[in-house]
């Protein structure tokens, strides 16, 4: 059985390597979710991957580091923290530790603490690293894959861990004709019922779904209050907690900035969100929160209660800041004469909103 795992791991490694080389050598343009072209290399950019241990025992922790060195003329799009790391679980991480080098370039280090509870030869797949060029185009480079061997704690797994094969089962001859007849009757009844139900429903008039006409911030604050009442943090239900928290923020930002944020991936969301006229500092704060939430939702990362509460307050603050910025832009300016026939001074006048019904 261990020999089969080893052969399977080697086969997966060479198949994955051949696939990546084929994609990089083809003249066609490989597109990722954000519209970036995958290239072999870019001037002034180095991407290195490393692990502190190439061989580990089952359950051991291994530090996987993705180091990106790039020229300051490029804009680095932070790598996805919820990236596919193969059969490994993320136990901890240190994202985007930036260092300014003497030659003027910038180095960004991302460290993941990984572990697994299955033995065999594994590959940490390549991670796409995206850069934004001066002309606005995006280029993607792939990091190198990293092989790791996970060994068993047993001294001799060949004589104690393998399961002995089962004896061949005795097959009783069965007459399946009644099953075929009754199955055909049931399928016919279901088909007739489905046609009847379809015709009945299509005859009904379409009823438009009610639209909530309240301001977007009122809806968002109400949803945040309901989320806090659920006490998901106290029950350690972090994954559903972050799904609901990010959905509240996405829905609010989609309504305020007029785009369909709920049906987009994270890369598609930020590709549009960064083009909007946003309050100062909102974009990097939103990106940091979303990246951390993706780790909890998709990479099995378990945050502490203090960070979960802090993210709740951060979403509340961002909603309030967007509201204040929106109301400030709605304030008209009136010109008040100085009484001497000179130029008037523009003065903002607050406009009271009508109470929502």
Protein backbone atom coordinates (compact mmCIF):
# COMPACT_ATOMS: atom_id res chain seq x y z
CA UNK A 1 0.00 0.00 0.00
CA UNK A 2 2.87 2.43 0.84
CA UNK A 3 4.51 1.52 -2.47
CA UNK A 4 1.27 2.47 -4.28
CA UNK A 5 1.15 5.82 -2.42
CA UNK A 6 4.77 6.54 -3.43
CA UNK A 7 4.12 5.68 -7.10
CA UNK A 8 0.95 7.78 -7.06
CA UNK A 9 2.81 10.76 -5.55
CA UNK A 10 5.60 10.56 -8.17
CA UNK A 11 3.05 10.25 -10.98
CA UNK A 12 1.14 13.29 -9.68
CA UNK A 13 4.39 15.31 -9.43
CA UNK A 14 5.52 14.59 -13.02
CA UNK A 15 2.00 15.04 -14.44
CA UNK A 16 1.63 18.41 -12.68
CA UNK A 17 5.10 19.52 -13.83
CA UNK A 18 4.37 18.55 -17.45
CA UNK A 19 1.04 20.38 -17.36
CA UNK A 20 2.60 23.61 -15.99
CA UNK A 21 5.44 23.51 -18.54
CA UNK A 22 2.92 22.96 -21.34
CA UNK A 23 0.84 25.93 -20.24
CA UNK A 24 3.87 28.21 -19.94
CA UNK A 25 5.33 27.23 -23.33
CA UNK A 26 2.14 27.58 -25.39
CA UNK A 27 1.75 30.81 -27.42
CA UNK A 28 -1.87 31.15 -26.28
CA UNK A 29 -2.54 33.57 -23.43
CA UNK A 30 -3.40 31.88 -20.13
CA UNK A 31 -5.89 33.90 -18.22
CA UNK A 32 -6.45 33.80 -14.46
CA UNK A 33 -9.55 35.00 -12.63
CA UNK A 34 -8.37 38.67 -12.73
CA UNK A 35 -7.47 38.84 -16.46
CA UNK A 36 -3.67 38.53 -15.98
CA UNK A 37 -1.42 36.92 -18.62
CA UNK A 38 0.75 34.08 -17.33
CA UNK A 39 4.41 34.61 -18.36
CA UNK A 40 7.68 32.76 -17.78
CA UNK A 41 9.50 35.73 -16.19
CA UNK A 42 9.58 39.50 -15.75
CA UNK A 43 12.69 41.74 -15.44
CA UNK A 44 13.64 42.45 -11.84
CA UNK A 45 11.34 39.81 -10.31
CA UNK A 46 12.42 36.72 -8.38
CA UNK A 47 10.03 34.22 -6.79
CA UNK A 48 11.41 31.62 -4.38
CA UNK A 49 9.64 28.89 -2.43
CA UNK A 50 11.15 26.92 0.43
CA UNK A 51 10.30 24.64 3.34
CA UNK A 52 12.28 24.20 6.53
CA UNK A 53 11.92 20.38 6.34
CA UNK A 54 11.68 18.26 3.18
CA UNK A 55 10.80 15.13 5.18
CA UNK A 56 8.42 15.12 8.12
CA UNK A 57 6.51 12.66 10.23
CA UNK A 58 2.72 12.59 10.23
CA UNK A 59 1.29 15.51 12.26
CA UNK A 60 4.57 17.53 12.23
CA UNK A 61 4.51 21.24 11.41
CA UNK A 62 6.39 22.52 8.36
CA UNK A 63 7.08 26.18 7.49
CA UNK A 64 6.41 26.96 3.81
CA UNK A 65 7.76 30.35 2.69
CA UNK A 66 6.87 32.21 -0.51
CA UNK A 67 9.45 34.98 -1.06
CA UNK A 68 8.77 37.56 -3.81
CA UNK A 69 11.45 40.10 -4.79
CA UNK A 70 10.33 42.74 -7.28
CA UNK A 71 11.17 46.17 -8.67
CA UNK A 72 9.30 49.16 -7.27
CA UNK A 73 7.96 49.92 -10.76
CA UNK A 74 5.60 46.96 -10.37
CA UNK A 75 2.56 46.79 -8.12
CA UNK A 76 2.29 43.44 -6.34
CA UNK A 77 -1.20 42.00 -5.98
CA UNK A 78 -0.93 40.01 -2.73
CA UNK A 79 -1.10 36.25 -3.35
CA UNK A 80 -4.38 34.57 -2.32
CA UNK A 81 -4.08 33.53 1.33
CA UNK A 82 -6.73 30.84 0.74
CA UNK A 83 -4.57 29.33 -2.04
CA UNK A 84 -4.67 25.59 -2.75
CA UNK A 85 -1.84 24.03 -0.74
CA UNK A 86 -2.63 20.46 -1.71
CA UNK A 87 -3.22 17.93 1.08
CA UNK A 88 -1.91 20.28 3.79
CA UNK A 89 -3.93 22.21 6.38
CA UNK A 90 -2.95 25.80 7.29
CA UNK A 91 -2.26 26.05 11.03
CA UNK A 92 -0.84 29.61 11.06
CA UNK A 93 0.39 32.26 8.62
CA UNK A 94 2.37 35.52 8.38
CA UNK A 95 1.23 37.37 5.23
CA UNK A 96 3.10 40.01 3.24
CA UNK A 97 6.11 40.88 5.46
CA UNK A 98 7.69 43.63 3.29
CA UNK A 99 11.42 44.52 3.29
CA UNK A 100 13.13 47.34 1.35
CA UNK A 101 16.40 46.06 -0.18
CA UNK A 102 19.59 48.08 -0.79
CA UNK A 103 19.23 47.84 -4.58
CA UNK A 104 15.85 49.58 -4.41
CA UNK A 105 13.77 46.44 -4.88
CA UNK A 106 11.13 45.19 -2.48
CA UNK A 107 10.91 41.73 -0.94
CA UNK A 108 7.59 40.32 0.28
CA UNK A 109 7.67 37.18 2.44
CA UNK A 110 4.57 35.05 3.06
CA UNK A 111 4.97 32.18 5.53
CA UNK A 112 2.47 29.34 6.05
CA UNK A 113 2.64 26.78 8.86
CA UNK A 114 1.32 23.51 7.38
CA UNK A 115 0.53 20.03 8.63
CA UNK A 116 -1.07 16.81 7.36
CA UNK A 117 -2.17 13.53 8.85
CA UNK A 118 -1.69 11.25 5.86
CA UNK A 119 1.57 9.64 4.75
CA UNK A 120 3.16 9.58 1.31
CA UNK A 121 4.96 11.84 -1.17
CA UNK A 122 3.15 15.15 -1.67
CA UNK A 123 3.57 18.28 -3.77
CA UNK A 124 2.76 21.82 -2.66
CA UNK A 125 1.35 23.20 -5.95
CA UNK A 126 2.55 26.42 -7.59
CA UNK A 127 0.91 29.64 -6.38
CA UNK A 128 0.06 32.37 -8.96
CA UNK A 129 1.73 35.73 -8.19
CA UNK A 130 0.17 38.71 -10.02
CA UNK A 131 1.86 42.04 -10.82
CA UNK A 132 0.28 45.22 -12.17
CA UNK A 133 2.46 47.05 -14.74
CA UNK A 134 2.64 50.77 -15.42
CA UNK A 135 0.42 50.47 -18.49
CA UNK A 136 -2.35 48.91 -16.37
CA UNK A 137 -1.90 45.34 -17.67
CA UNK A 138 -1.46 42.42 -15.30
CA UNK A 139 1.09 39.62 -15.54
CA UNK A 140 1.05 36.40 -13.53
CA UNK A 141 4.08 34.25 -12.62
CA UNK A 142 3.90 30.81 -11.04
CA UNK A 143 6.02 29.84 -8.05
CA UNK A 144 7.89 26.55 -8.04
CA UNK A 145 6.19 23.45 -6.65
CA UNK A 146 7.75 21.97 -3.50
CA UNK A 147 7.91 18.19 -2.82
CA UNK A 148 7.49 16.96 0.77
CA UNK A 149 7.72 13.38 2.05
CA UNK A 150 5.43 12.51 4.97
CA UNK A 151 6.63 9.41 6.86
CA UNK A 152 4.72 7.13 9.21
CA UNK A 153 5.49 6.93 12.93
CA UNK A 154 5.47 3.12 12.76
CA UNK A 155 8.86 1.41 12.67
CA UNK A 156 7.76 -1.09 10.03
CA UNK A 157 4.46 -0.09 8.47
CA UNK A 158 4.55 -3.01 6.05
CA UNK A 159 3.62 -5.60 8.69
CA UNK A 160 1.31 -3.67 11.04
CA UNK A 161 -0.64 -0.94 9.20
CA UNK A 162 -1.83 -2.65 6.04
CA UNK A 163 -5.35 -4.08 5.93
CA UNK A 164 -5.61 -7.66 4.82
CA UNK A 165 -7.71 -8.20 1.71
CA UNK A 166 -11.30 -9.38 2.12
CA UNK A 167 -12.50 -12.73 0.89
CA UNK A 168 -14.62 -12.78 -2.22
CA UNK A 169 -18.29 -12.23 -1.40
CA UNK A 170 -20.86 -14.87 -2.24
CA UNK A 171 -23.39 -13.54 -4.72
CA UNK A 172 -27.03 -14.65 -4.42
CA UNK A 173 -28.93 -14.78 -7.65
CA UNK A 174 -31.83 -12.37 -7.57
CA UNK A 175 -34.83 -11.84 -9.85
CA UNK A 176 -34.70 -8.13 -10.65
CA UNK A 177 -37.74 -8.08 -12.91
CA UNK A 178 -40.17 -6.79 -10.23
CA UNK A 179 -37.75 -3.97 -9.39
CA UNK A 180 -37.58 -2.92 -13.05
CA UNK A 181 -41.39 -2.94 -13.34
CA UNK A 182 -42.02 -0.94 -10.17
CA UNK A 183 -39.16 1.41 -10.98
CA UNK A 184 -40.67 2.13 -14.39
CA UNK A 185 -44.10 2.76 -12.82
CA UNK A 186 -42.64 5.18 -10.25
CA UNK A 187 -40.66 7.07 -12.91
CA UNK A 188 -43.78 7.39 -15.06
CA UNK A 189 -45.82 8.76 -12.14
CA UNK A 190 -43.06 11.23 -11.26
CA UNK A 191 -42.85 12.37 -14.89
CA UNK A 192 -46.61 12.97 -15.08
CA UNK A 193 -46.56 14.82 -11.75
CA UNK A 194 -43.64 16.99 -12.89
CA UNK A 195 -45.41 17.97 -16.12
CA UNK A 196 -48.59 18.81 -14.20
CA UNK A 197 -46.69 20.89 -11.63
CA UNK A 198 -44.76 22.77 -14.34
CA UNK A 199 -47.94 23.65 -16.23
CA UNK A 200 -49.62 24.77 -13.01
CA UNK A 201 -46.76 27.02 -11.94
CA UNK A 202 -46.27 28.61 -15.36
CA UNK A 203 -49.88 29.72 -15.37
CA UNK A 204 -49.48 31.73 -12.20
CA UNK A 205 -48.64 35.39 -12.52
CA UNK A 206 -45.12 36.30 -11.65
CA UNK A 207 -44.95 38.14 -8.35
CA UNK A 208 -42.09 40.61 -8.03
CA UNK A 209 -39.90 40.16 -4.98
CA UNK A 210 -40.19 43.01 -2.47
CA UNK A 211 -37.33 45.52 -2.65
CA UNK A 212 -35.94 46.99 0.56
CA UNK A 213 -35.91 50.76 -0.07
CA UNK A 214 -34.03 51.67 3.08
CA UNK A 215 -30.52 53.16 2.81
CA UNK A 216 -27.82 50.52 2.39
CA UNK A 217 -26.16 51.36 5.74
CA UNK A 218 -29.42 50.80 7.66
CA UNK A 219 -29.78 47.34 6.12
CA UNK A 220 -26.11 46.53 6.83
CA UNK A 221 -26.25 47.70 10.47
CA UNK A 222 -29.41 45.63 11.01
CA UNK A 223 -27.72 42.51 9.59
CA UNK A 224 -24.66 43.12 11.80
CA UNK A 225 -26.93 43.31 14.85
CA UNK A 226 -28.57 39.99 13.93
CA UNK A 227 -25.13 38.42 13.37
CA UNK A 228 -23.95 39.50 16.81
CA UNK A 229 -27.09 38.03 18.42
CA UNK A 230 -26.27 34.61 16.93
CA UNK A 231 -23.10 34.44 19.10
CA UNK A 232 -21.23 32.40 16.48
CA UNK A 233 -17.88 33.48 17.97
CA UNK A 234 -18.86 32.16 21.40
CA UNK A 235 -19.90 28.88 19.79
CA UNK A 236 -16.61 28.80 17.80
CA UNK A 237 -18.50 28.70 14.51
CA UNK A 238 -15.88 30.81 12.75
CA UNK A 239 -16.48 29.64 9.17
CA UNK A 240 -20.22 30.55 8.99
CA UNK A 241 -19.43 33.71 10.98
CA UNK A 242 -16.93 34.98 8.36
CA UNK A 243 -19.17 33.92 5.46
CA UNK A 244 -22.03 36.06 6.85
CA UNK A 245 -19.74 38.95 7.87
CA UNK A 246 -18.13 39.26 4.41
CA UNK A 247 -21.51 38.86 2.68
CA UNK A 248 -22.83 41.84 4.68
CA UNK A 249 -19.82 43.95 3.65
CA UNK A 250 -19.98 42.85 -0.02
CA UNK A 251 -23.73 43.52 -0.24
CA UNK A 252 -23.33 46.98 1.28
CA UNK A 253 -20.43 47.98 -0.97
CA UNK A 254 -22.22 46.60 -4.04
CA UNK A 255 -25.28 48.79 -3.33
CA UNK A 256 -23.25 51.89 -2.45
CA UNK A 257 -20.91 51.68 -5.47
CA UNK A 258 -23.41 50.17 -7.92
CA UNK A 259 -21.94 46.78 -8.92
CA UNK A 260 -22.91 43.13 -8.39
CA UNK A 261 -20.42 42.26 -5.65
CA UNK A 262 -22.16 39.10 -4.40
CA UNK A 263 -21.60 37.02 -7.57
CA UNK A 264 -17.89 37.84 -7.97
CA UNK A 265 -14.70 36.11 -6.88
CA UNK A 266 -12.32 38.03 -4.64
CA UNK A 267 -10.07 38.94 -7.61
CA UNK A 268 -13.03 40.12 -9.71
CA UNK A 269 -14.38 42.09 -6.74
CA UNK A 270 -11.14 44.02 -6.13
CA UNK A 271 -10.53 44.56 -9.86
CA UNK A 272 -13.75 46.65 -9.93
CA UNK A 273 -13.65 47.98 -6.36
CA UNK A 274 -10.24 49.63 -6.79
CA UNK A 275 -11.61 51.68 -9.73
CA UNK A 276 -14.31 53.29 -7.58
CA UNK A 277 -14.00 56.65 -5.84
CA UNK A 278 -13.38 55.37 -2.30
CA UNK A 279 -12.68 57.03 1.04
CA UNK A 280 -8.98 57.22 1.86
CA UNK A 281 -7.55 53.93 3.15
CA UNK A 282 -10.70 51.87 2.52
CA UNK A 283 -9.22 49.67 -0.25
CA UNK A 284 -6.20 48.21 1.66
CA UNK A 285 -8.32 47.70 4.80
CA UNK A 286 -10.99 45.87 2.82
CA UNK A 287 -8.34 43.70 1.09
CA UNK A 288 -6.74 42.77 4.44
CA UNK A 289 -10.07 41.77 5.97
CA UNK A 290 -11.18 39.76 2.91
CA UNK A 291 -7.84 37.89 2.71
CA UNK A 292 -8.04 36.91 6.38
CA UNK A 293 -11.67 35.83 5.95
CA UNK A 294 -10.71 33.66 2.92
CA UNK A 295 -8.20 31.80 5.08
CA UNK A 296 -10.89 30.96 7.63
CA UNK A 297 -13.51 30.07 4.98
CA UNK A 298 -11.39 28.04 2.58
CA UNK A 299 -8.06 27.06 4.21
CA UNK A 300 -9.29 25.66 7.58
CA UNK A 301 -7.56 28.45 9.55
CA UNK A 302 -8.90 28.95 13.09
CA UNK A 303 -8.63 32.59 14.32
CA UNK A 304 -8.77 33.71 17.92
CA UNK A 305 -11.87 35.36 19.39
CA UNK A 306 -10.15 38.75 19.69
CA UNK A 307 -9.40 38.87 15.95
CA UNK A 308 -12.96 37.82 15.07
CA UNK A 309 -14.41 40.58 17.28
CA UNK A 310 -11.93 43.08 15.80
CA UNK A 311 -13.02 42.19 12.24
CA UNK A 312 -16.66 42.76 13.24
CA UNK A 313 -15.83 46.25 14.54
CA UNK A 314 -13.74 46.95 11.41
CA UNK A 315 -16.71 46.15 9.13
CA UNK A 316 -18.91 48.41 11.28
CA UNK A 317 -16.37 51.26 10.96
CA UNK A 318 -15.99 50.86 7.19
CA UNK A 319 -19.77 51.01 6.69
CA UNK A 320 -19.94 54.17 8.79
CA UNK A 321 -17.07 55.82 6.89
CA UNK A 322 -18.64 55.09 3.51
CA UNK A 323 -21.94 56.52 4.78
CA UNK A 324 -20.26 59.74 5.99
CA UNK A 325 -18.41 60.12 2.69
CA UNK A 326 -21.66 59.60 0.75
CA UNK A 327 -23.59 62.16 2.83
CA UNK A 328 -20.75 64.68 2.55
CA UNK A 329 -20.85 64.45 -1.24
CA UNK A 330 -24.61 65.13 -1.20
CA UNK A 331 -24.23 68.45 0.63
CA UNK A 332 -24.85 71.33 -1.87
CA UNK A 333 -22.86 74.57 -1.75
CA UNK A 334 -24.59 77.97 -1.48
CA UNK A 335 -22.82 81.27 -2.09
CA UNK A 336 -23.18 83.94 0.63
CA UNK A 337 -22.46 87.49 -0.45
CA UNK A 338 -20.01 89.50 1.67
CA UNK A 339 -22.22 92.61 1.40
CA UNK A 340 -19.59 94.68 -0.48
CA UNK A 341 -20.30 93.39 -3.95
CA UNK A 342 -17.27 91.13 -3.77
CA UNK A 343 -17.04 87.45 -4.51
CA UNK A 344 -19.13 85.14 -2.42
CA UNK A 345 -17.82 82.29 -0.27
CA UNK A 346 -19.15 78.75 -0.93
CA UNK A 347 -20.62 77.25 2.21
CA UNK A 348 -21.76 73.61 2.49
CA UNK A 349 -25.35 73.21 3.64
CA UNK A 350 -26.49 70.03 5.32
CA UNK A 351 -29.49 68.35 3.68
CA UNK A 352 -31.78 66.40 5.95
CA UNK A 353 -32.90 63.09 4.51
CA UNK A 354 -36.56 62.28 4.51
CA UNK A 355 -37.37 59.47 6.92
CA UNK A 356 -37.59 56.14 5.15
CA UNK A 357 -40.96 54.48 5.07
